[in-house]
Structure formats: C-alpha cells, structure tokens
Amino acid sequence: MRPRPITKLCGSLERRLTAYTIAASASGMGFVLCSQPAAAKVVYTKANQELQLNTPLSLDLNHDGIVDFLLHFDASTYGRLTIFVQAERSNRVAGYCRHLSQSCWASAQLPDVRVGPNQRFGPYSLMLFADCSDARVSSCFGQGAWNNVQNRYLALKFSIKGRVHYGWARLNVSVNYGVTAVLTGYAYETVPNKPLLTGKTKGPNIVTPEPETLGHLARGASMIGE
C-alpha cells in the first residue's frame, strides 16, 4: 500500500499553527505556575476599646505611627448622638449614599465579605444617628447601618508608602437605654492591592488567579502569528 502524500501547508497557515502550539504550551506551563495560590499575610490586632463621647479614637491599622482613620462618638446639645468614621488623607471607607436624604453611610459589613477593588470606596463617614436625652440612661432611638449590630465590619482602603492596602475594623454598637460602641479588632493585608475577608484574623491570605481559557490562548496565538 502506497503511503499517502504529505500535503505541505501554506507558509502563513503553518506559521499560525506553530505559533498557536507554542502559545498553548507556554500558557499551559504558565497555568501550572499561576494556579499555585499566591500567599499573602493578614495582620490582625485584637482590641476592646469603647468609644468615648467627644474623644476621637485613633486607628493605625499597620502600627507605623500614622493614624489611618478616626472613630468619633459625638453628642449635640439637643440629645443627638452621632457615630462616624473619619478617613485620614486619601484613605477611604466602603459605603453608600441615600439620594433622598443626601446622607452617605459607612457600610456595616457581614463576616466573610471580600474587601478589595470590587467595592465602592469613598469619604463615607456616617455610621449611626441616635436621639436620646442622655447618652447613658435614657431610652434612645437609632437609625443608620450601625444601629444595634454585633460583629459588623468597616471595610477600609488605605495607603502604606503610597501603595493601596485593604483592611477592616470590627465593632459592636448597642442602642437601647443609652448608646455604646466598642472596637473589638482590626486587620489589614500586607500585600498592596490584594483583597482580604472581613473577620479573617490569621494565616496566609490565599488568592487563586482565574485560569486562562482557550479563547485567550487562541487570541494569543493569533497575535504571535501576525
């Protein structure tokens, strides 16, 4: 039986197929490398600090001596109590605005929420309004995202030496016969621009990149063959 003749491809098509093979092989090797979890470190600080009236509480997430945020618990002469967070410099807080009232609130995040570039950060500051005649003994009526919550988190975006980092601060806020707010801990991610989960306090912060698709490989091969 005669062997079938070998048909030679035209130069352009052959170059493209070769390029695709090279790209696919390289990307396959890259997938093996990139699919390994990229480890980063979460640094957690335990706290038990109650906010005091008209005395800002400083929050230095990475303990470099630079205040990143201030927590305020202020009282007016009309029995209005306000809790809010103040972001220093270009730092930001995850939150939202109510269009009708024009009030912008810092979100009270649940545990295991991803804090990172996917969230909306801004100068969102308000946490709680409470109306009561006396901060400690009178029945109070509260409103806002932080009204009577336990183990909720501020999602924070801040700068270390000009690089963006993400972190969180955990608080308990009680509104009943008086108002109390307690900072129970805070944490940040050591690698710039890497997300972390609210409530994660130890161990490596694992982020796995999404794998390349065949569509990406094909596009890469096409570009090489141009």
C-alpha atoms as a PDB file:
ATOM      1  CA  MET A   1       0.000   0.000   0.000  1.00  0.00           C
ATOM      2  CA  ARG A   2       1.412   3.359  -1.030  1.00  0.00           C
ATOM      3  CA  PRO A   3       1.968   5.922   1.736  1.00  0.00           C
ATOM      4  CA  ARG A   4      -0.329   8.918   1.466  1.00  0.00           C
ATOM      5  CA  PRO A   5       1.405  12.016   0.126  1.00  0.00           C
ATOM      6  CA  ILE A   6       2.233  14.706   2.652  1.00  0.00           C
ATOM      7  CA  THR A   7       0.451  17.949   1.879  1.00  0.00           C
ATOM      8  CA  LYS A   8       2.509  20.996   2.772  1.00  0.00           C
ATOM      9  CA  LEU A   9       0.585  23.858   4.335  1.00  0.00           C
ATOM     10  CA  CYS A  10       0.985  27.361   3.013  1.00  0.00           C
ATOM     11  CA  GLY A  11       3.558  29.410   4.891  1.00  0.00           C
ATOM     12  CA  SER A  12       1.087  31.767   6.615  1.00  0.00           C
ATOM     13  CA  LEU A  13      -1.152  28.990   7.960  1.00  0.00           C
ATOM     14  CA  GLU A  14       1.817  26.915   9.086  1.00  0.00           C
ATOM     15  CA  ARG A  15       3.266  29.860  10.983  1.00  0.00           C
ATOM     16  CA  ARG A  16      -0.067  30.456  12.730  1.00  0.00           C
ATOM     17  CA  LEU A  17      -0.456  26.813  13.752  1.00  0.00           C
ATOM     18  CA  THR A  18       3.108  26.721  15.044  1.00  0.00           C
ATOM     19  CA  ALA A  19       2.541  29.930  16.954  1.00  0.00           C
ATOM     20  CA  TYR A  20      -0.669  28.545  18.449  1.00  0.00           C
ATOM     21  CA  THR A  21       1.138  25.394  19.581  1.00  0.00           C
ATOM     22  CA  ILE A  22       3.887  27.451  21.191  1.00  0.00           C
ATOM     23  CA  ALA A  23       1.379  29.755  22.882  1.00  0.00           C
ATOM     24  CA  ALA A  24      -0.699  26.850  24.147  1.00  0.00           C
ATOM     25  CA  SER A  25       2.366  25.089  25.528  1.00  0.00           C
ATOM     26  CA  ALA A  26       3.649  28.246  27.178  1.00  0.00           C
ATOM     27  CA  SER A  27       0.244  29.060  28.612  1.00  0.00           C
ATOM     28  CA  GLY A  28      -0.119  25.530  29.889  1.00  0.00           C
ATOM     29  CA  MET A  29       3.142  25.863  31.726  1.00  0.00           C
ATOM     30  CA  GLY A  30       2.064  29.291  32.954  1.00  0.00           C
ATOM     31  CA  PHE A  31      -1.181  27.822  34.224  1.00  0.00           C
ATOM     32  CA  VAL A  32       0.742  25.320  36.318  1.00  0.00           C
ATOM     33  CA  LEU A  33       2.754  28.148  37.792  1.00  0.00           C
ATOM     34  CA  CYS A  34      -0.005  30.733  38.142  1.00  0.00           C
ATOM     35  CA  SER A  35      -2.563  28.343  39.524  1.00  0.00           C
ATOM     36  CA  GLN A  36      -0.446  27.943  42.620  1.00  0.00           C
ATOM     37  CA  PRO A  37      -2.044  30.074  45.376  1.00  0.00           C
ATOM     38  CA  ALA A  38      -0.374  33.450  45.850  1.00  0.00           C
ATOM     39  CA  ALA A  39       0.110  33.689  49.594  1.00  0.00           C
ATOM     40  CA  ALA A  40      -0.094  36.961  51.475  1.00  0.00           C
ATOM     41  CA  LYS A  41      -0.342  37.780  55.142  1.00  0.00           C
ATOM     42  CA  VAL A  42      -3.192  39.178  57.204  1.00  0.00           C
ATOM     43  CA  VAL A  43      -2.058  41.147  60.250  1.00  0.00           C
ATOM     44  CA  TYR A  44      -4.707  41.235  62.980  1.00  0.00           C
ATOM     45  CA  THR A  45      -4.855  43.385  66.121  1.00  0.00           C
ATOM     46  CA  LYS A  46      -7.242  42.405  68.885  1.00  0.00           C
ATOM     47  CA  ALA A  47      -8.944  45.302  70.660  1.00  0.00           C
ATOM     48  CA  ASN A  48     -11.508  46.087  73.329  1.00  0.00           C
ATOM     49  CA  GLN A  49     -11.845  49.855  73.185  1.00  0.00           C
ATOM     50  CA  GLU A  50     -15.112  51.612  73.921  1.00  0.00           C
ATOM     51  CA  LEU A  51     -15.661  54.886  72.114  1.00  0.00           C
ATOM     52  CA  GLN A  52     -15.853  57.813  74.495  1.00  0.00           C
ATOM     53  CA  LEU A  53     -18.057  60.854  73.981  1.00  0.00           C
ATOM     54  CA  ASN A  54     -16.342  63.687  72.113  1.00  0.00           C
ATOM     55  CA  THR A  55     -12.973  61.873  72.208  1.00  0.00           C
ATOM     56  CA  PRO A  56     -11.813  60.525  68.816  1.00  0.00           C
ATOM     57  CA  LEU A  57     -10.362  57.008  68.800  1.00  0.00           C
ATOM     58  CA  SER A  58      -7.321  56.659  66.519  1.00  0.00           C
ATOM     59  CA  LEU A  59      -6.987  53.649  64.246  1.00  0.00           C
ATOM     60  CA  ASP A  60      -3.492  52.807  62.972  1.00  0.00           C
ATOM     61  CA  LEU A  61      -4.033  49.597  61.015  1.00  0.00           C
ATOM     62  CA  ASN A  62      -0.384  48.713  60.379  1.00  0.00           C
ATOM     63  CA  HIS A  63       1.136  50.281  63.522  1.00  0.00           C
ATOM     64  CA  ASP A  64       3.517  52.568  61.647  1.00  0.00           C
ATOM     65  CA  GLY A  65       2.730  55.560  63.851  1.00  0.00           C
ATOM     66  CA  ILE A  66       0.480  57.166  61.215  1.00  0.00           C
ATOM     67  CA  VAL A  67      -3.238  57.457  62.022  1.00  0.00           C
ATOM     68  CA  ASP A  68      -5.277  55.958  59.190  1.00  0.00           C
ATOM     69  CA  PHE A  69      -8.815  56.543  60.490  1.00  0.00           C
ATOM     70  CA  LEU A  70     -10.558  58.220  63.425  1.00  0.00           C
ATOM     71  CA  LEU A  71     -13.707  56.895  65.098  1.00  0.00           C
ATOM     72  CA  HIS A  72     -15.944  59.608  66.583  1.00  0.00           C
ATOM     73  CA  PHE A  73     -18.758  59.441  69.119  1.00  0.00           C
ATOM     74  CA  ASP A  74     -20.167  62.951  69.413  1.00  0.00           C
ATOM     75  CA  ALA A  75     -23.100  64.476  71.303  1.00  0.00           C
ATOM     76  CA  SER A  76     -25.017  67.638  70.476  1.00  0.00           C
ATOM     77  CA  THR A  77     -26.919  69.894  72.882  1.00  0.00           C
ATOM     78  CA  TYR A  78     -30.232  68.501  71.583  1.00  0.00           C
ATOM     79  CA  GLY A  79     -29.669  64.891  72.639  1.00  0.00           C
ATOM     80  CA  ARG A  80     -28.471  63.785  69.207  1.00  0.00           C
ATOM     81  CA  LEU A  81     -25.634  61.273  69.300  1.00  0.00           C
ATOM     82  CA  THR A  82     -23.589  60.583  66.210  1.00  0.00           C
ATOM     83  CA  ILE A  83     -21.051  57.864  65.482  1.00  0.00           C
ATOM     84  CA  PHE A  84     -18.931  58.339  62.381  1.00  0.00           C
ATOM     85  CA  VAL A  85     -15.590  57.341  60.887  1.00  0.00           C
ATOM     86  CA  GLN A  86     -13.139  59.899  59.542  1.00  0.00           C
ATOM     87  CA  ALA A  87     -10.704  58.761  56.839  1.00  0.00           C
ATOM     88  CA  GLU A  88      -7.347  60.498  57.016  1.00  0.00           C
ATOM     89  CA  ARG A  89      -5.574  61.813  53.889  1.00  0.00           C
ATOM     90  CA  SER A  90      -6.550  59.822  50.770  1.00  0.00           C
ATOM     91  CA  ASN A  91      -7.861  56.822  52.716  1.00  0.00           C
ATOM     92  CA  ARG A  92     -11.410  55.645  52.047  1.00  0.00           C
ATOM     93  CA  VAL A  93     -14.306  53.640  53.551  1.00  0.00           C
ATOM     94  CA  ALA A  94     -16.750  51.331  51.746  1.00  0.00           C
ATOM     95  CA  GLY A  95     -20.277  52.735  51.830  1.00  0.00           C
ATOM     96  CA  TYR A  96     -23.236  54.220  50.003  1.00  0.00           C
ATOM     97  CA  CYS A  97     -25.357  57.363  49.742  1.00  0.00           C
ATOM     98  CA  ARG A  98     -29.100  57.778  50.221  1.00  0.00           C
ATOM     99  CA  HIS A  99     -30.179  60.094  47.447  1.00  0.00           C
ATOM    100  CA  LEU A 100     -33.285  61.444  49.162  1.00  0.00           C
ATOM    101  CA  SER A 101     -31.546  62.449  52.381  1.00  0.00           C
ATOM    102  CA  GLN A 102     -28.143  63.085  50.807  1.00  0.00           C
ATOM    103  CA  SER A 103     -26.634  61.141  53.726  1.00  0.00           C
ATOM    104  CA  CYS A 104     -23.616  58.978  52.970  1.00  0.00           C
ATOM    105  CA  TRP A 105     -23.159  55.962  55.226  1.00  0.00           C
ATOM    106  CA  ALA A 106     -20.269  53.642  56.012  1.00  0.00           C
ATOM    107  CA  SER A 107     -21.449  50.092  55.341  1.00  0.00           C
ATOM    108  CA  ALA A 108     -21.795  47.602  58.207  1.00  0.00           C
ATOM    109  CA  GLN A 109     -20.287  44.570  56.506  1.00  0.00           C
ATOM    110  CA  LEU A 110     -21.080  40.989  57.483  1.00  0.00           C
ATOM    111  CA  PRO A 111     -18.304  38.434  58.171  1.00  0.00           C
ATOM    112  CA  ASP A 112     -16.545  36.783  55.200  1.00  0.00           C
ATOM    113  CA  VAL A 113     -17.120  39.691  52.825  1.00  0.00           C
ATOM    114  CA  ARG A 114     -14.344  40.304  50.316  1.00  0.00           C
ATOM    115  CA  VAL A 115     -12.740  43.705  50.883  1.00  0.00           C
ATOM    116  CA  GLY A 116     -10.987  44.854  47.733  1.00  0.00           C
ATOM    117  CA  PRO A 117     -11.224  46.738  44.443  1.00  0.00           C
ATOM    118  CA  ASN A 118     -14.722  45.384  43.728  1.00  0.00           C
ATOM    119  CA  GLN A 119     -16.251  47.527  46.484  1.00  0.00           C
ATOM    120  CA  ARG A 120     -17.275  51.177  46.328  1.00  0.00           C
ATOM    121  CA  PHE A 121     -14.961  53.290  48.464  1.00  0.00           C
ATOM    122  CA  GLY A 122     -15.300  56.960  49.219  1.00  0.00           C
ATOM    123  CA  PRO A 123     -15.478  59.550  52.003  1.00  0.00           C
ATOM    124  CA  TYR A 124     -18.450  57.692  53.517  1.00  0.00           C
ATOM    125  CA  SER A 125     -18.494  58.560  57.182  1.00  0.00           C
ATOM    126  CA  LEU A 126     -21.856  58.276  58.964  1.00  0.00           C
ATOM    127  CA  MET A 127     -22.424  55.133  61.000  1.00  0.00           C
ATOM    128  CA  LEU A 128     -25.236  55.975  63.440  1.00  0.00           C
ATOM    129  CA  PHE A 129     -27.667  58.715  64.446  1.00  0.00           C
ATOM    130  CA  ALA A 130     -29.342  58.287  67.826  1.00  0.00           C
ATOM    131  CA  ASP A 131     -31.824  60.580  69.531  1.00  0.00           C
ATOM    132  CA  CYS A 132     -31.908  60.461  73.334  1.00  0.00           C
ATOM    133  CA  SER A 133     -31.843  62.981  76.145  1.00  0.00           C
ATOM    134  CA  ASP A 134     -28.863  61.383  77.869  1.00  0.00           C
ATOM    135  CA  ALA A 135     -26.154  59.166  76.360  1.00  0.00           C
ATOM    136  CA  ARG A 136     -26.150  56.642  79.217  1.00  0.00           C
ATOM    137  CA  VAL A 137     -29.530  56.458  80.956  1.00  0.00           C
ATOM    138  CA  SER A 138     -32.298  57.493  78.565  1.00  0.00           C
ATOM    139  CA  SER A 139     -34.053  55.308  76.013  1.00  0.00           C
ATOM    140  CA  CYS A 140     -32.612  56.091  72.594  1.00  0.00           C
ATOM    141  CA  PHE A 141     -33.878  55.749  69.054  1.00  0.00           C
ATOM    142  CA  GLY A 142     -31.179  54.927  66.491  1.00  0.00           C
ATOM    143  CA  GLN A 143     -31.032  54.969  62.720  1.00  0.00           C
ATOM    144  CA  GLY A 144     -28.366  54.027  60.224  1.00  0.00           C
ATOM    145  CA  ALA A 145     -26.411  50.987  59.086  1.00  0.00           C
ATOM    146  CA  TRP A 146     -24.821  50.525  62.505  1.00  0.00           C
ATOM    147  CA  ASN A 147     -27.993  50.646  64.610  1.00  0.00           C
ATOM    148  CA  ASN A 148     -27.806  47.787  67.170  1.00  0.00           C
ATOM    149  CA  VAL A 149     -25.303  45.495  65.450  1.00  0.00           C
ATOM    150  CA  GLN A 150     -22.787  42.944  66.694  1.00  0.00           C
ATOM    151  CA  ASN A 151     -19.595  41.874  64.931  1.00  0.00           C
ATOM    152  CA  ARG A 152     -20.001  44.119  61.908  1.00  0.00           C
ATOM    153  CA  TYR A 153     -17.107  45.471  59.877  1.00  0.00           C
ATOM    154  CA  LEU A 154     -15.915  48.695  58.356  1.00  0.00           C
ATOM    155  CA  ALA A 155     -14.272  47.892  55.005  1.00  0.00           C
ATOM    156  CA  LEU A 156     -11.214  50.108  54.691  1.00  0.00           C
ATOM    157  CA  LYS A 157      -8.880  51.220  51.918  1.00  0.00           C
ATOM    158  CA  PHE A 158      -5.698  52.969  52.998  1.00  0.00           C
ATOM    159  CA  SER A 159      -2.167  53.806  51.915  1.00  0.00           C
ATOM    160  CA  ILE A 160       1.204  52.493  53.078  1.00  0.00           C
ATOM    161  CA  LYS A 161       4.138  54.347  51.498  1.00  0.00           C
ATOM    162  CA  GLY A 162       1.970  55.360  48.567  1.00  0.00           C
ATOM    163  CA  ARG A 163       0.618  51.844  47.908  1.00  0.00           C
ATOM    164  CA  VAL A 164      -3.038  50.849  48.340  1.00  0.00           C
ATOM    165  CA  HIS A 165      -3.856  48.256  51.014  1.00  0.00           C
ATOM    166  CA  TYR A 166      -7.164  46.871  52.265  1.00  0.00           C
ATOM    167  CA  GLY A 167      -8.319  46.197  55.804  1.00  0.00           C
ATOM    168  CA  TRP A 168     -11.250  46.090  58.185  1.00  0.00           C
ATOM    169  CA  ALA A 169     -12.307  47.205  61.663  1.00  0.00           C
ATOM    170  CA  ARG A 170     -14.857  45.261  63.739  1.00  0.00           C
ATOM    171  CA  LEU A 171     -17.305  46.981  66.095  1.00  0.00           C
ATOM    172  CA  ASN A 172     -20.265  46.247  68.319  1.00  0.00           C
ATOM    173  CA  VAL A 173     -22.845  49.024  68.626  1.00  0.00           C
ATOM    174  CA  SER A 174     -25.709  48.937  71.120  1.00  0.00           C
ATOM    175  CA  VAL A 175     -28.647  51.369  71.119  1.00  0.00           C
ATOM    176  CA  ASN A 176     -31.138  50.909  73.939  1.00  0.00           C
ATOM    177  CA  TYR A 177     -31.012  52.732  77.256  1.00  0.00           C
ATOM    178  CA  GLY A 178     -28.005  54.634  76.091  1.00  0.00           C
ATOM    179  CA  VAL A 179     -25.544  54.102  73.273  1.00  0.00           C
ATOM    180  CA  THR A 180     -22.289  52.166  73.402  1.00  0.00           C
ATOM    181  CA  ALA A 181     -19.814  51.379  70.633  1.00  0.00           C
ATOM    182  CA  VAL A 182     -16.826  49.083  71.099  1.00  0.00           C
ATOM    183  CA  LEU A 183     -13.941  48.443  68.710  1.00  0.00           C
ATOM    184  CA  THR A 184     -13.130  44.720  69.068  1.00  0.00           C
ATOM    185  CA  GLY A 185     -10.375  44.297  66.473  1.00  0.00           C
ATOM    186  CA  TYR A 186      -8.908  45.303  63.131  1.00  0.00           C
ATOM    187  CA  ALA A 187      -6.735  43.810  60.391  1.00  0.00           C
ATOM    188  CA  TYR A 188      -5.069  44.574  57.064  1.00  0.00           C
ATOM    189  CA  GLU A 189      -3.460  42.766  54.131  1.00  0.00           C
ATOM    190  CA  THR A 190       0.319  43.202  53.800  1.00  0.00           C
ATOM    191  CA  VAL A 191       0.418  42.864  50.005  1.00  0.00           C
ATOM    192  CA  PRO A 192      -0.659  46.008  48.090  1.00  0.00           C
ATOM    193  CA  ASN A 193      -3.973  45.816  46.181  1.00  0.00           C
ATOM    194  CA  LYS A 194      -4.767  42.311  47.480  1.00  0.00           C
ATOM    195  CA  PRO A 195      -8.251  41.704  48.914  1.00  0.00           C
ATOM    196  CA  LEU A 196      -8.991  40.072  52.255  1.00  0.00           C
ATOM    197  CA  LEU A 197     -12.085  38.748  54.001  1.00  0.00           C
ATOM    198  CA  THR A 198     -13.781  40.516  56.875  1.00  0.00           C
ATOM    199  CA  GLY A 199     -13.181  38.573  60.072  1.00  0.00           C
ATOM    200  CA  LYS A 200     -10.072  36.720  58.868  1.00  0.00           C
ATOM    201  CA  THR A 201      -7.526  37.081  61.657  1.00  0.00           C
ATOM    202  CA  LYS A 202      -4.639  34.694  60.958  1.00  0.00           C
ATOM    203  CA  GLY A 203      -2.880  32.521  58.455  1.00  0.00           C
ATOM    204  CA  PRO A 204      -1.986  33.271  54.844  1.00  0.00           C
ATOM    205  CA  ASN A 205      -4.417  35.155  52.667  1.00  0.00           C
ATOM    206  CA  ILE A 206      -4.902  32.873  49.647  1.00  0.00           C
ATOM    207  CA  VAL A 207      -5.964  34.309  46.304  1.00  0.00           C
ATOM    208  CA  THR A 208      -6.074  31.996  43.257  1.00  0.00           C
ATOM    209  CA  PRO A 209      -5.979  33.624  39.800  1.00  0.00           C
ATOM    210  CA  GLU A 210      -8.609  32.589  37.272  1.00  0.00           C
ATOM    211  CA  PRO A 211      -7.270  30.047  34.717  1.00  0.00           C
ATOM    212  CA  GLU A 212      -6.662  31.047  31.120  1.00  0.00           C
ATOM    213  CA  THR A 213      -9.347  29.994  28.633  1.00  0.00           C
ATOM    214  CA  LEU A 214      -8.902  28.500  25.175  1.00  0.00           C
ATOM    215  CA  GLY A 215     -10.202  31.771  23.796  1.00  0.00           C
ATOM    216  CA  HIS A 216      -7.330  33.606  25.443  1.00  0.00           C
ATOM    217  CA  LEU A 217      -4.875  31.065  24.009  1.00  0.00           C
ATOM    218  CA  ALA A 218      -6.285  31.442  20.517  1.00  0.00           C
ATOM    219  CA  ARG A 219      -6.081  35.213  20.695  1.00  0.00           C
ATOM    220  CA  GLY A 220      -2.508  34.992  21.959  1.00  0.00           C
ATOM    221  CA  ALA A 221      -1.526  32.663  19.121  1.00  0.00           C
ATOM    222  CA  SER A 222      -3.163  34.924  16.575  1.00  0.00           C
ATOM    223  CA  MET A 223      -1.185  37.881  17.849  1.00  0.00           C
ATOM    224  CA  ILE A 224       2.072  35.946  17.681  1.00  0.00           C
ATOM    225  CA  GLY A 225       1.347  34.877  14.096  1.00  0.00           C
ATOM    226  CA  GLU A 226       0.670  38.417  12.864  1.00  0.00           C
END
